[in-house]
């Protein structure tokens, strides 16, 4: 919930930095002003698709793609490296 609250605040700040009204961003994101308000509050009941639409309306959608990028997944990479085989044997035919 804390991460969504932070995301919501960041979205609100990005909207304000661009001097865009809630109505404008909501229209560009194909959602209502009330739903945009919920996004900016970090409401966990709002679908990720709406968050993505709002980020797209603000020109920030590319940031969403890097969230689960394997190069940013230090834990996943550590686990994958720990499971690497000691030796690789040539497959017999």
Protein backbone atom coordinates (compact mmCIF):
# COMPACT_ATOMS: atom_id res chain seq x y z
CA UNK A 1 0.00 0.00 0.00
CA UNK A 2 2.90 2.31 0.76
CA UNK A 3 4.36 1.79 -2.73
CA UNK A 4 1.02 2.63 -4.35
CA UNK A 5 0.68 5.74 -2.19
CA UNK A 6 4.14 6.83 -3.31
CA UNK A 7 3.29 6.08 -6.94
CA UNK A 8 0.08 8.07 -6.62
CA UNK A 9 1.93 11.05 -5.15
CA UNK A 10 4.52 10.83 -7.93
CA UNK A 11 1.75 10.76 -10.54
CA UNK A 12 0.09 13.79 -8.95
CA UNK A 13 3.41 15.66 -8.88
CA UNK A 14 4.09 14.76 -12.53
CA UNK A 15 0.65 16.05 -13.51
CA UNK A 16 1.22 19.30 -11.63
CA UNK A 17 4.72 19.77 -13.09
CA UNK A 18 3.10 19.55 -16.52
CA UNK A 19 0.43 22.07 -15.44
CA UNK A 20 -2.32 19.65 -16.43
CA UNK A 21 -5.71 19.61 -14.77
CA UNK A 22 -7.20 16.40 -13.42
CA UNK A 23 -9.91 16.65 -16.09
CA UNK A 24 -7.33 16.81 -18.88
CA UNK A 25 -5.33 13.82 -17.65
CA UNK A 26 -8.48 11.81 -16.95
CA UNK A 27 -9.74 12.46 -20.48
CA UNK A 28 -6.38 11.51 -22.02
CA UNK A 29 -6.32 8.34 -19.87
CA UNK A 30 -9.91 7.44 -20.89
CA UNK A 31 -11.04 7.44 -17.27
CA UNK A 32 -13.02 9.63 -14.91
CA UNK A 33 -11.74 12.43 -12.73
CA UNK A 34 -12.84 10.43 -9.67
CA UNK A 35 -10.77 7.42 -10.77
CA UNK A 36 -7.76 9.66 -11.41
CA UNK A 37 -8.21 11.03 -7.89
CA UNK A 38 -8.14 7.45 -6.58
CA UNK A 39 -4.95 6.79 -8.58
CA UNK A 40 -3.31 9.88 -7.11
CA UNK A 41 -4.29 8.65 -3.65
CA UNK A 42 -2.64 5.28 -4.38
CA UNK A 43 -5.88 3.31 -4.13
CA UNK A 44 -5.08 -0.41 -4.44
CA UNK A 45 -8.57 -1.10 -5.79
CA UNK A 46 -7.77 0.65 -9.07
CA UNK A 47 -6.60 -1.74 -11.78
CA UNK A 48 -3.04 -1.65 -13.03
CA UNK A 49 -4.46 -0.93 -16.48
CA UNK A 50 -5.81 2.41 -15.24
CA UNK A 51 -2.45 3.23 -13.65
CA UNK A 52 -0.82 2.41 -17.01
CA UNK A 53 -3.30 4.63 -18.88
CA UNK A 54 -2.58 7.53 -16.55
CA UNK A 55 1.18 7.03 -16.89
CA UNK A 56 0.74 6.96 -20.66
CA UNK A 57 -1.29 10.18 -20.57
CA UNK A 58 1.62 11.80 -18.73
CA UNK A 59 4.26 10.37 -21.10
CA UNK A 60 5.68 8.11 -18.39
CA UNK A 61 4.59 4.67 -19.58
CA UNK A 62 8.12 3.50 -20.43
CA UNK A 63 8.89 3.58 -16.71
CA UNK A 64 6.34 0.83 -16.13
CA UNK A 65 8.15 -1.53 -18.49
CA UNK A 66 11.37 -1.43 -16.48
CA UNK A 67 9.77 -2.40 -13.16
CA UNK A 68 10.16 -6.16 -13.65
CA UNK A 69 13.00 -6.01 -16.15
CA UNK A 70 15.37 -8.92 -15.39
CA UNK A 71 18.33 -6.57 -15.25
CA UNK A 72 16.65 -4.79 -12.32
CA UNK A 73 15.73 -8.04 -10.52
CA UNK A 74 18.73 -8.51 -8.27
CA UNK A 75 17.10 -11.23 -6.18
CA UNK A 76 15.95 -13.16 -9.25
CA UNK A 77 19.38 -12.92 -10.85
CA UNK A 78 21.05 -14.06 -7.63
CA UNK A 79 18.72 -17.07 -7.43
CA UNK A 80 19.25 -17.91 -11.10
CA UNK A 81 23.03 -17.71 -10.70
CA UNK A 82 22.90 -19.91 -7.61
CA UNK A 83 21.09 -22.57 -9.64
CA UNK A 84 23.57 -22.63 -12.52
CA UNK A 85 25.02 -26.10 -13.08
CA UNK A 86 28.62 -26.76 -12.16
CA UNK A 87 29.32 -28.47 -15.46
CA UNK A 88 27.68 -28.61 -18.84
CA UNK A 89 27.84 -31.97 -20.54
CA UNK A 90 27.54 -32.48 -24.24
CA UNK A 91 24.29 -34.19 -25.07
CA UNK A 92 24.67 -37.65 -26.56
CA UNK A 93 22.91 -38.35 -29.82
